[in-house]
PDB file of N, CA and C in Angstrom:
ATOM      1  N   MET A   1       0.856  -1.188   0.000  1.00  0.00           N
ATOM      2  CA  MET A   1       0.000   0.000   0.000  1.00  0.00           C
ATOM      3  C   MET A   1       0.894   1.240   0.000  1.00  0.00           C
ATOM      4  N   GLU A   2       0.450   2.242  -0.695  1.00  0.00           N
ATOM      5  CA  GLU A   2       1.210   3.483  -0.804  1.00  0.00           C
ATOM      6  C   GLU A   2       1.126   4.285   0.489  1.00  0.00           C
ATOM      7  N   HIS A   3       2.058   5.207   0.629  1.00  0.00           N
ATOM      8  CA  HIS A   3       2.028   6.088   1.791  1.00  0.00           C
ATOM      9  C   HIS A   3       0.895   7.084   1.613  1.00  0.00           C
ATOM     10  N   ILE A   4       0.049   7.176   2.614  1.00  0.00           N
ATOM     11  CA  ILE A   4      -1.072   8.101   2.543  1.00  0.00           C
ATOM     12  C   ILE A   4      -0.655   9.388   3.228  1.00  0.00           C
ATOM     13  N   LYS A   5      -0.844  10.493   2.522  1.00  0.00           N
ATOM     14  CA  LYS A   5      -0.373  11.789   3.004  1.00  0.00           C
ATOM     15  C   LYS A   5      -1.188  12.297   4.196  1.00  0.00           C
ATOM     16  N   HIS A   6      -2.497  12.139   4.117  1.00  0.00           N
ATOM     17  CA  HIS A   6      -3.367  12.632   5.183  1.00  0.00           C
ATOM     18  C   HIS A   6      -4.677  11.860   5.148  1.00  0.00           C
ATOM     19  N   ALA A   7      -5.529  12.102   6.119  1.00  0.00           N
ATOM     20  CA  ALA A   7      -6.757  11.327   6.271  1.00  0.00           C
ATOM     21  C   ALA A   7      -7.736  11.509   5.117  1.00  0.00           C
ATOM     22  N   LEU A   8      -7.675  12.633   4.409  1.00  0.00           N
ATOM     23  CA  LEU A   8      -8.622  12.883   3.319  1.00  0.00           C
ATOM     24  C   LEU A   8      -8.043  12.566   1.945  1.00  0.00           C
ATOM     25  N   TYR A   9      -6.917  11.861   1.893  1.00  0.00           N
ATOM     26  CA  TYR A   9      -6.278  11.490   0.629  1.00  0.00           C
ATOM     27  C   TYR A   9      -7.183  10.541  -0.159  1.00  0.00           C
ATOM     28  N   PHE A  10      -7.341  10.802  -1.454  1.00  0.00           N
ATOM     29  CA  PHE A  10      -8.092   9.886  -2.309  1.00  0.00           C
ATOM     30  C   PHE A  10      -7.603   9.969  -3.741  1.00  0.00           C
ATOM     31  N   GLU A  11      -7.747   8.865  -4.467  1.00  0.00           N
ATOM     32  CA  GLU A  11      -7.397   8.782  -5.878  1.00  0.00           C
ATOM     33  C   GLU A  11      -8.623   8.556  -6.749  1.00  0.00           C
ATOM     34  N   ALA A  12      -9.713   8.102  -6.136  1.00  0.00           N
ATOM     35  CA  ALA A  12     -10.893   7.748  -6.927  1.00  0.00           C
ATOM     36  C   ALA A  12     -12.168   7.988  -6.127  1.00  0.00           C
ATOM     37  N   ILE A  13     -13.244   8.230  -6.868  1.00  0.00           N
ATOM     38  CA  ILE A  13     -14.568   8.374  -6.276  1.00  0.00           C
ATOM     39  C   ILE A  13     -15.486   7.385  -6.975  1.00  0.00           C
ATOM     40  N   ILE A  14     -16.221   6.614  -6.203  1.00  0.00           N
ATOM     41  CA  ILE A  14     -17.284   5.779  -6.758  1.00  0.00           C
ATOM     42  C   ILE A  14     -18.594   6.465  -6.428  1.00  0.00           C
ATOM     43  N   GLN A  15     -19.349   6.798  -7.465  1.00  0.00           N
ATOM     44  CA  GLN A  15     -20.675   7.390  -7.279  1.00  0.00           C
ATOM     45  C   GLN A  15     -21.697   6.298  -7.558  1.00  0.00           C
ATOM     46  N   LEU A  16     -22.397   5.857  -6.522  1.00  0.00           N
ATOM     47  CA  LEU A  16     -23.370   4.779  -6.644  1.00  0.00           C
ATOM     48  C   LEU A  16     -24.769   5.370  -6.694  1.00  0.00           C
ATOM     49  N   ARG A  17     -25.481   5.135  -7.792  1.00  0.00           N
ATOM     50  CA  ARG A  17     -26.825   5.657  -7.993  1.00  0.00           C
ATOM     51  C   ARG A  17     -27.775   4.541  -8.368  1.00  0.00           C
ATOM     52  N   PRO A  18     -28.978   4.456  -7.846  1.00  0.00           N
ATOM     53  CA  PRO A  18     -29.523   5.189  -6.701  1.00  0.00           C
ATOM     54  C   PRO A  18     -28.956   4.622  -5.398  1.00  0.00           C
ATOM     55  N   LEU A  19     -29.360   5.203  -4.291  1.00  0.00           N
ATOM     56  CA  LEU A  19     -28.881   4.783  -2.981  1.00  0.00           C
ATOM     57  C   LEU A  19     -29.258   3.324  -2.732  1.00  0.00           C
ATOM     58  N   ASN A  20     -28.262   2.510  -2.387  1.00  0.00           N
ATOM     59  CA  ASN A  20     -28.480   1.100  -2.089  1.00  0.00           C
ATOM     60  C   ASN A  20     -27.505   0.707  -0.981  1.00  0.00           C
ATOM     61  N   LYS A  21     -28.009   0.575   0.228  1.00  0.00           N
ATOM     62  CA  LYS A  21     -27.177   0.307   1.403  1.00  0.00           C
ATOM     63  C   LYS A  21     -26.419  -1.019   1.281  1.00  0.00           C
ATOM     64  N   GLU A  22     -27.059  -2.044   0.692  1.00  0.00           N
ATOM     65  CA  GLU A  22     -26.411  -3.345   0.561  1.00  0.00           C
ATOM     66  C   GLU A  22     -25.171  -3.256  -0.321  1.00  0.00           C
ATOM     67  N   LEU A  23     -25.261  -2.516  -1.425  1.00  0.00           N
ATOM     68  CA  LEU A  23     -24.124  -2.383  -2.327  1.00  0.00           C
ATOM     69  C   LEU A  23     -23.023  -1.524  -1.706  1.00  0.00           C
ATOM     70  N   VAL A  24     -23.399  -0.521  -0.935  1.00  0.00           N
ATOM     71  CA  VAL A  24     -22.407   0.300  -0.218  1.00  0.00           C
ATOM     72  C   VAL A  24     -21.655  -0.582   0.773  1.00  0.00           C
ATOM     73  N   ASN A  25     -22.380  -1.446   1.499  1.00  0.00           N
ATOM     74  CA  ASN A  25     -21.737  -2.354   2.445  1.00  0.00           C
ATOM     75  C   ASN A  25     -20.826  -3.346   1.741  1.00  0.00           C
ATOM     76  N   LEU A  26     -21.217  -3.789   0.545  1.00  0.00           N
ATOM     77  CA  LEU A  26     -20.384  -4.687  -0.254  1.00  0.00           C
ATOM     78  C   LEU A  26     -19.059  -3.999  -0.628  1.00  0.00           C
ATOM     79  N   ILE A  27     -19.146  -2.737  -1.040  1.00  0.00           N
ATOM     80  CA  ILE A  27     -17.933  -1.977  -1.375  1.00  0.00           C
ATOM     81  C   ILE A  27     -17.058  -1.805  -0.135  1.00  0.00           C
ATOM     82  N   ARG A  28     -17.660  -1.515   1.005  1.00  0.00           N
ATOM     83  CA  ARG A  28     -16.900  -1.362   2.254  1.00  0.00           C
ATOM     84  C   ARG A  28     -16.146  -2.633   2.609  1.00  0.00           C
ATOM     85  N   ARG A  29     -16.841  -3.782   2.535  1.00  0.00           N
ATOM     86  CA  ARG A  29     -16.203  -5.062   2.858  1.00  0.00           C
ATOM     87  C   ARG A  29     -15.048  -5.366   1.907  1.00  0.00           C
ATOM     88  N   ASP A  30     -15.280  -5.145   0.601  1.00  0.00           N
ATOM     89  CA  ASP A  30     -14.228  -5.399  -0.387  1.00  0.00           C
ATOM     90  C   ASP A  30     -13.037  -4.470  -0.170  1.00  0.00           C
ATOM     91  N   ALA A  31     -13.301  -3.223   0.166  1.00  0.00           N
ATOM     92  CA  ALA A  31     -12.218  -2.265   0.411  1.00  0.00           C
ATOM     93  C   ALA A  31     -11.390  -2.705   1.611  1.00  0.00           C
ATOM     94  N   GLU A  32     -12.052  -3.123   2.661  1.00  0.00           N
ATOM     95  CA  GLU A  32     -11.337  -3.580   3.857  1.00  0.00           C
ATOM     96  C   GLU A  32     -10.505  -4.820   3.549  1.00  0.00           C
ATOM     97  N   LYS A  33     -11.088  -5.743   2.792  1.00  0.00           N
ATOM     98  CA  LYS A  33     -10.387  -6.979   2.443  1.00  0.00           C
ATOM     99  C   LYS A  33      -9.151  -6.697   1.579  1.00  0.00           C
ATOM    100  N   ASN A  34      -9.239  -5.688   0.706  1.00  0.00           N
ATOM    101  CA  ASN A  34      -8.132  -5.339  -0.191  1.00  0.00           C
ATOM    102  C   ASN A  34      -7.234  -4.235   0.362  1.00  0.00           C
ATOM    103  N   LYS A  35      -7.451  -3.852   1.617  1.00  0.00           N
ATOM    104  CA  LYS A  35      -6.655  -2.817   2.293  1.00  0.00           C
ATOM    105  C   LYS A  35      -6.689  -1.480   1.558  1.00  0.00           C
ATOM    106  N   VAL A  36      -7.867  -1.149   1.039  1.00  0.00           N
ATOM    107  CA  VAL A  36      -8.094   0.145   0.394  1.00  0.00           C
ATOM    108  C   VAL A  36      -8.785   1.040   1.421  1.00  0.00           C
ATOM    109  N   VAL A  37      -8.272   2.236   1.582  1.00  0.00           N
ATOM    110  CA  VAL A  37      -8.812   3.163   2.578  1.00  0.00           C
ATOM    111  C   VAL A  37      -9.985   3.945   1.983  1.00  0.00           C
ATOM    112  N   ILE A  38     -11.089   3.991   2.719  1.00  0.00           N
ATOM    113  CA  ILE A  38     -12.215   4.849   2.365  1.00  0.00           C
ATOM    114  C   ILE A  38     -12.035   6.110   3.203  1.00  0.00           C
ATOM    115  N   SER A  39     -11.720   7.225   2.528  1.00  0.00           N
ATOM    116  CA  SER A  39     -11.430   8.438   3.278  1.00  0.00           C
ATOM    117  C   SER A  39     -12.678   9.248   3.598  1.00  0.00           C
ATOM    118  N   LYS A  40     -13.732   9.061   2.785  1.00  0.00           N
ATOM    119  CA  LYS A  40     -14.942   9.849   3.031  1.00  0.00           C
ATOM    120  C   LYS A  40     -16.113   9.179   2.329  1.00  0.00           C
ATOM    121  N   GLU A  41     -17.301   9.319   2.908  1.00  0.00           N
ATOM    122  CA  GLU A  41     -18.545   8.862   2.280  1.00  0.00           C
ATOM    123  C   GLU A  41     -19.564   9.975   2.399  1.00  0.00           C
ATOM    124  N   LEU A  42     -20.161  10.321   1.289  1.00  0.00           N
ATOM    125  CA  LEU A  42     -21.235  11.305   1.278  1.00  0.00           C
ATOM    126  C   LEU A  42     -22.505  10.604   0.823  1.00  0.00           C
ATOM    127  N   THR A  43     -23.515  10.596   1.668  1.00  0.00           N
ATOM    128  CA  THR A  43     -24.769   9.937   1.325  1.00  0.00           C
ATOM    129  C   THR A  43     -25.870  10.982   1.241  1.00  0.00           C
ATOM    130  N   GLU A  44     -26.551  10.979   0.114  1.00  0.00           N
ATOM    131  CA  GLU A  44     -27.686  11.861  -0.117  1.00  0.00           C
ATOM    132  C   GLU A  44     -28.894  10.997  -0.467  1.00  0.00           C
ATOM    133  N   ALA A  45     -30.013  11.621  -0.732  1.00  0.00           N
ATOM    134  CA  ALA A  45     -31.221  10.882  -1.088  1.00  0.00           C
ATOM    135  C   ALA A  45     -31.070  10.164  -2.430  1.00  0.00           C
ATOM    136  N   TYR A  46     -30.254  10.725  -3.329  1.00  0.00           N
ATOM    137  CA  TYR A  46     -30.118  10.178  -4.682  1.00  0.00           C
ATOM    138  C   TYR A  46     -29.018   9.124  -4.798  1.00  0.00           C
ATOM    139  N   GLY A  47     -28.126   9.015  -3.818  1.00  0.00           N
ATOM    140  CA  GLY A  47     -27.056   8.029  -3.904  1.00  0.00           C
ATOM    141  C   GLY A  47     -25.914   8.318  -2.953  1.00  0.00           C
ATOM    142  N   THR A  48     -24.814   7.608  -3.163  1.00  0.00           N
ATOM    143  CA  THR A  48     -23.652   7.700  -2.283  1.00  0.00           C
ATOM    144  C   THR A  48     -22.389   7.947  -3.099  1.00  0.00           C
ATOM    145  N   ASP A  49     -21.501   8.788  -2.572  1.00  0.00           N
ATOM    146  CA  ASP A  49     -20.173   8.995  -3.142  1.00  0.00           C
ATOM    147  C   ASP A  49     -19.167   8.427  -2.138  1.00  0.00           C
ATOM    148  N   ILE A  50     -18.308   7.513  -2.616  1.00  0.00           N
ATOM    149  CA  ILE A  50     -17.311   6.877  -1.765  1.00  0.00           C
ATOM    150  C   ILE A  50     -15.934   7.264  -2.292  1.00  0.00           C
ATOM    151  N   TYR A  51     -15.125   7.886  -1.441  1.00  0.00           N
ATOM    152  CA  TYR A  51     -13.788   8.350  -1.804  1.00  0.00           C
ATOM    153  C   TYR A  51     -12.777   7.277  -1.394  1.00  0.00           C
ATOM    154  N   LEU A  52     -12.002   6.783  -2.371  1.00  0.00           N
ATOM    155  CA  LEU A  52     -11.103   5.647  -2.167  1.00  0.00           C
ATOM    156  C   LEU A  52      -9.645   6.017  -2.405  1.00  0.00           C
ATOM    157  N   SER A  53      -8.754   5.244  -1.802  1.00  0.00           N
ATOM    158  CA  SER A  53      -7.322   5.487  -1.953  1.00  0.00           C
ATOM    159  C   SER A  53      -6.720   4.751  -3.152  1.00  0.00           C
ATOM    160  N   SER A  54      -7.541   4.050  -3.959  1.00  0.00           N
ATOM    161  CA  SER A  54      -7.009   3.263  -5.071  1.00  0.00           C
ATOM    162  C   SER A  54      -7.864   3.380  -6.331  1.00  0.00           C
ATOM    163  N   LYS A  55      -7.249   3.864  -7.409  1.00  0.00           N
ATOM    164  CA  LYS A  55      -7.934   3.923  -8.706  1.00  0.00           C
ATOM    165  C   LYS A  55      -8.191   2.516  -9.244  1.00  0.00           C
ATOM    166  N   LYS A  56      -7.211   1.650  -9.067  1.00  0.00           N
ATOM    167  CA  LYS A  56      -7.311   0.280  -9.571  1.00  0.00           C
ATOM    168  C   LYS A  56      -8.501  -0.447  -8.938  1.00  0.00           C
ATOM    169  N   PHE A  57      -8.683  -0.277  -7.638  1.00  0.00           N
ATOM    170  CA  PHE A  57      -9.803  -0.903  -6.934  1.00  0.00           C
ATOM    171  C   PHE A  57     -11.129  -0.343  -7.432  1.00  0.00           C
ATOM    172  N   ALA A  58     -11.212   0.968  -7.626  1.00  0.00           N
ATOM    173  CA  ALA A  58     -12.447   1.595  -8.102  1.00  0.00           C
ATOM    174  C   ALA A  58     -12.835   1.051  -9.476  1.00  0.00           C
ATOM    175  N   MET A  59     -11.857   0.887 -10.371  1.00  0.00           N
ATOM    176  CA  MET A  59     -12.139   0.352 -11.705  1.00  0.00           C
ATOM    177  C   MET A  59     -12.602  -1.099 -11.616  1.00  0.00           C
ATOM    178  N   ALA A  60     -11.999  -1.877 -10.730  1.00  0.00           N
ATOM    179  CA  ALA A  60     -12.394  -3.276 -10.567  1.00  0.00           C
ATOM    180  C   ALA A  60     -13.837  -3.375 -10.068  1.00  0.00           C
ATOM    181  N   ILE A  61     -14.204  -2.528  -9.116  1.00  0.00           N
ATOM    182  CA  ILE A  61     -15.585  -2.517  -8.601  1.00  0.00           C
ATOM    183  C   ILE A  61     -16.562  -2.142  -9.724  1.00  0.00           C
ATOM    184  N   ALA A  62     -16.226  -1.105 -10.490  1.00  0.00           N
ATOM    185  CA  ALA A  62     -17.103  -0.664 -11.579  1.00  0.00           C
ATOM    186  C   ALA A  62     -17.319  -1.780 -12.594  1.00  0.00           C
ATOM    187  N   LYS A  63     -16.258  -2.457 -12.984  1.00  0.00           N
ATOM    188  CA  LYS A  63     -16.381  -3.549 -13.955  1.00  0.00           C
ATOM    189  C   LYS A  63     -17.206  -4.702 -13.401  1.00  0.00           C
ATOM    190  N   ARG A  64     -16.980  -5.020 -12.118  1.00  0.00           N
ATOM    191  CA  ARG A  64     -17.728  -6.122 -11.509  1.00  0.00           C
ATOM    192  C   ARG A  64     -19.221  -5.800 -11.397  1.00  0.00           C
ATOM    193  N   PHE A  65     -19.547  -4.552 -11.026  1.00  0.00           N
ATOM    194  CA  PHE A  65     -20.954  -4.163 -10.921  1.00  0.00           C
ATOM    195  C   PHE A  65     -21.615  -4.139 -12.290  1.00  0.00           C
ATOM    196  N   LYS A  66     -20.867  -3.751 -13.321  1.00  0.00           N
ATOM    197  CA  LYS A  66     -21.416  -3.743 -14.678  1.00  0.00           C
ATOM    198  C   LYS A  66     -21.793  -5.152 -15.102  1.00  0.00           C
ATOM    199  N   LYS A  67     -20.914  -6.106 -14.815  1.00  0.00           N
ATOM    200  CA  LYS A  67     -21.156  -7.490 -15.218  1.00  0.00           C
ATOM    201  C   LYS A  67     -22.240  -8.135 -14.359  1.00  0.00           C
ATOM    202  N   ARG A  68     -22.166  -7.938 -13.056  1.00  0.00           N
ATOM    203  CA  ARG A  68     -23.057  -8.637 -12.120  1.00  0.00           C
ATOM    204  C   ARG A  68     -24.469  -8.055 -12.073  1.00  0.00           C
ATOM    205  N   PHE A  69     -24.577  -6.722 -12.110  1.00  0.00           N
ATOM    206  CA  PHE A  69     -25.883  -6.070 -11.950  1.00  0.00           C
ATOM    207  C   PHE A  69     -26.363  -5.380 -13.223  1.00  0.00           C
ATOM    208  N   HIS A  70     -25.640  -5.550 -14.326  1.00  0.00           N
ATOM    209  CA  HIS A  70     -25.962  -4.894 -15.610  1.00  0.00           C
ATOM    210  C   HIS A  70     -26.094  -3.380 -15.422  1.00  0.00           C
ATOM    211  N   ALA A  71     -25.156  -2.829 -14.665  1.00  0.00           N
ATOM    212  CA  ALA A  71     -25.158  -1.398 -14.356  1.00  0.00           C
ATOM    213  C   ALA A  71     -24.571  -0.601 -15.515  1.00  0.00           C
ATOM    214  N   GLN A  72     -24.970   0.658 -15.594  1.00  0.00           N
ATOM    215  CA  GLN A  72     -24.368   1.584 -16.547  1.00  0.00           C
ATOM    216  C   GLN A  72     -23.172   2.218 -15.846  1.00  0.00           C
ATOM    217  N   ILE A  73     -22.041   2.279 -16.549  1.00  0.00           N
ATOM    218  CA  ILE A  73     -20.809   2.796 -15.969  1.00  0.00           C
ATOM    219  C   ILE A  73     -20.329   3.982 -16.791  1.00  0.00           C
ATOM    220  N   ARG A  74     -19.907   5.034 -16.117  1.00  0.00           N
ATOM    221  CA  ARG A  74     -19.250   6.163 -16.785  1.00  0.00           C
ATOM    222  C   ARG A  74     -18.049   6.546 -15.937  1.00  0.00           C
ATOM    223  N   VAL A  75     -16.864   6.455 -16.539  1.00  0.00           N
ATOM    224  CA  VAL A  75     -15.624   6.763 -15.828  1.00  0.00           C
ATOM    225  C   VAL A  75     -15.031   8.032 -16.429  1.00  0.00           C
ATOM    226  N   THR A  76     -14.721   8.992 -15.568  1.00  0.00           N
ATOM    227  CA  THR A  76     -14.080  10.225 -16.014  1.00  0.00           C
ATOM    228  C   THR A  76     -12.768  10.390 -15.265  1.00  0.00           C
ATOM    229  N   LYS A  77     -11.845  11.077 -15.912  1.00  0.00           N
ATOM    230  CA  LYS A  77     -10.517  11.280 -15.344  1.00  0.00           C
ATOM    231  C   LYS A  77     -10.239  12.775 -15.307  1.00  0.00           C
ATOM    232  N   LYS A  78      -9.611  13.221 -14.241  1.00  0.00           N
ATOM    233  CA  LYS A  78      -9.311  14.633 -14.070  1.00  0.00           C
ATOM    234  C   LYS A  78      -7.890  14.771 -13.557  1.00  0.00           C
ATOM    235  N   VAL A  79      -7.098  15.613 -14.200  1.00  0.00           N
ATOM    236  CA  VAL A  79      -5.729  15.832 -13.750  1.00  0.00           C
ATOM    237  C   VAL A  79      -5.777  16.551 -12.404  1.00  0.00           C
ATOM    238  N   HIS A  80      -5.095  15.959 -11.437  1.00  0.00           N
ATOM    239  CA  HIS A  80      -5.113  16.512 -10.084  1.00  0.00           C
ATOM    240  C   HIS A  80      -3.884  17.386  -9.839  1.00  0.00           C
ATOM    241  N   THR A  81      -2.721  16.872 -10.217  1.00  0.00           N
ATOM    242  CA  THR A  81      -1.477  17.592  -9.990  1.00  0.00           C
ATOM    243  C   THR A  81      -0.401  17.027 -10.907  1.00  0.00           C
ATOM    244  N   ILE A  82       0.771  17.590 -10.837  1.00  0.00           N
ATOM    245  CA  ILE A  82       1.906  17.081 -11.597  1.00  0.00           C
ATOM    246  C   ILE A  82       2.988  16.683 -10.602  1.00  0.00           C
ATOM    247  N   ASP A  83       3.508  15.463 -10.762  1.00  0.00           N
ATOM    248  CA  ASP A  83       4.558  14.963  -9.887  1.00  0.00           C
ATOM    249  C   ASP A  83       5.817  15.808 -10.075  1.00  0.00           C
ATOM    250  N   ARG A  84       6.350  16.324  -8.996  1.00  0.00           N
ATOM    251  CA  ARG A  84       7.517  17.213  -9.083  1.00  0.00           C
ATOM    252  C   ARG A  84       8.779  16.491  -9.535  1.00  0.00           C
ATOM    253  N   GLN A  85       8.911  15.237  -9.189  1.00  0.00           N
ATOM    254  CA  GLN A  85      10.130  14.505  -9.539  1.00  0.00           C
ATOM    255  C   GLN A  85      10.117  13.974 -10.963  1.00  0.00           C
ATOM    256  N   THR A  86       8.965  13.464 -11.405  1.00  0.00           N
ATOM    257  CA  THR A  86       8.903  12.838 -12.732  1.00  0.00           C
ATOM    258  C   THR A  86       8.230  13.711 -13.785  1.00  0.00           C
ATOM    259  N   SER A  87       7.600  14.778 -13.380  1.00  0.00           N
ATOM    260  CA  SER A  87       6.845  15.677 -14.257  1.00  0.00           C
ATOM    261  C   SER A  87       5.653  15.001 -14.926  1.00  0.00           C
ATOM    262  N   LYS A  88       5.193  13.884 -14.363  1.00  0.00           N
ATOM    263  CA  LYS A  88       4.017  13.197 -14.899  1.00  0.00           C
ATOM    264  C   LYS A  88       2.751  13.783 -14.285  1.00  0.00           C
ATOM    265  N   GLU A  89       1.694  13.788 -15.089  1.00  0.00           N
ATOM    266  CA  GLU A  89       0.398  14.235 -14.585  1.00  0.00           C
ATOM    267  C   GLU A  89      -0.196  13.138 -13.708  1.00  0.00           C
ATOM    268  N   LEU A  90      -0.686  13.511 -12.551  1.00  0.00           N
ATOM    269  CA  LEU A  90      -1.359  12.583 -11.657  1.00  0.00           C
ATOM    270  C   LEU A  90      -2.845  12.897 -11.695  1.00  0.00           C
ATOM    271  N   SER A  91      -3.654  11.878 -11.910  1.00  0.00           N
ATOM    272  CA  SER A  91      -5.080  12.109 -12.082  1.00  0.00           C
ATOM    273  C   SER A  91      -5.894  11.364 -11.033  1.00  0.00           C
ATOM    274  N   ARG A  92      -7.115  11.815 -10.880  1.00  0.00           N
ATOM    275  CA  ARG A  92      -8.114  11.157 -10.052  1.00  0.00           C
ATOM    276  C   ARG A  92      -9.227  10.713 -10.986  1.00  0.00           C
ATOM    277  N   ILE A  93      -9.877   9.602 -10.649  1.00  0.00           N
ATOM    278  CA  ILE A  93     -10.987   9.153 -11.482  1.00  0.00           C
ATOM    279  C   ILE A  93     -12.283   9.205 -10.690  1.00  0.00           C
ATOM    280  N   THR A  94     -13.373   9.344 -11.432  1.00  0.00           N
ATOM    281  CA  THR A  94     -14.703   9.238 -10.873  1.00  0.00           C
ATOM    282  C   THR A  94     -15.436   8.169 -11.653  1.00  0.00           C
ATOM    283  N   ALA A  95     -15.924   7.155 -10.954  1.00  0.00           N
ATOM    284  CA  ALA A  95     -16.660   6.069 -11.592  1.00  0.00           C
ATOM    285  C   ALA A  95     -18.117   6.169 -11.163  1.00  0.00           C
ATOM    286  N   LEU A  96     -18.976   6.552 -12.104  1.00  0.00           N
ATOM    287  CA  LEU A  96     -20.416   6.624 -11.839  1.00  0.00           C
ATOM    288  C   LEU A  96     -21.022   5.264 -12.157  1.00  0.00           C
ATOM    289  N   ILE A  97     -21.704   4.676 -11.181  1.00  0.00           N
ATOM    290  CA  ILE A  97     -22.343   3.371 -11.361  1.00  0.00           C
ATOM    291  C   ILE A  97     -23.841   3.565 -11.179  1.00  0.00           C
ATOM    292  N   LYS A  98     -24.589   3.412 -12.282  1.00  0.00           N
ATOM    293  CA  LYS A  98     -26.054   3.518 -12.226  1.00  0.00           C
ATOM    294  C   LYS A  98     -26.649   2.132 -12.339  1.00  0.00           C
ATOM    295  N   ILE A  99     -27.390   1.744 -11.313  1.00  0.00           N
ATOM    296  CA  ILE A  99     -28.034   0.434 -11.316  1.00  0.00           C
ATOM    297  C   ILE A  99     -29.517   0.625 -11.547  1.00  0.00           C
ATOM    298  N   ASN A 100     -30.023  -0.057 -12.553  1.00  0.00           N
ATOM    299  CA  ASN A 100     -31.446   0.105 -12.930  1.00  0.00           C
ATOM    300  C   ASN A 100     -32.338  -0.771 -12.123  1.00  0.00           C
TER     301      ASN A 100
END
């Protein structure tokens, strides 16, 4: 696992629509099992946003939900910063998962 800079560090957001407590709990269990840190959860009437410390884990969850629940997936990428040592762009992803 990478060094986490602070408690609110995240690389990915999973947006789960509509709100489904069972699926949120499934993501929590999988994150704990894979040692992925959930830094924040925002729950509204329309769904939940889960902030994760791993882009790779977020993509795996999105693909699994697409296959298992026939969910619609939309993944977007946003440049967050540029690494000072390598000059590479570092990005964060947002994976929107809509379950019908």
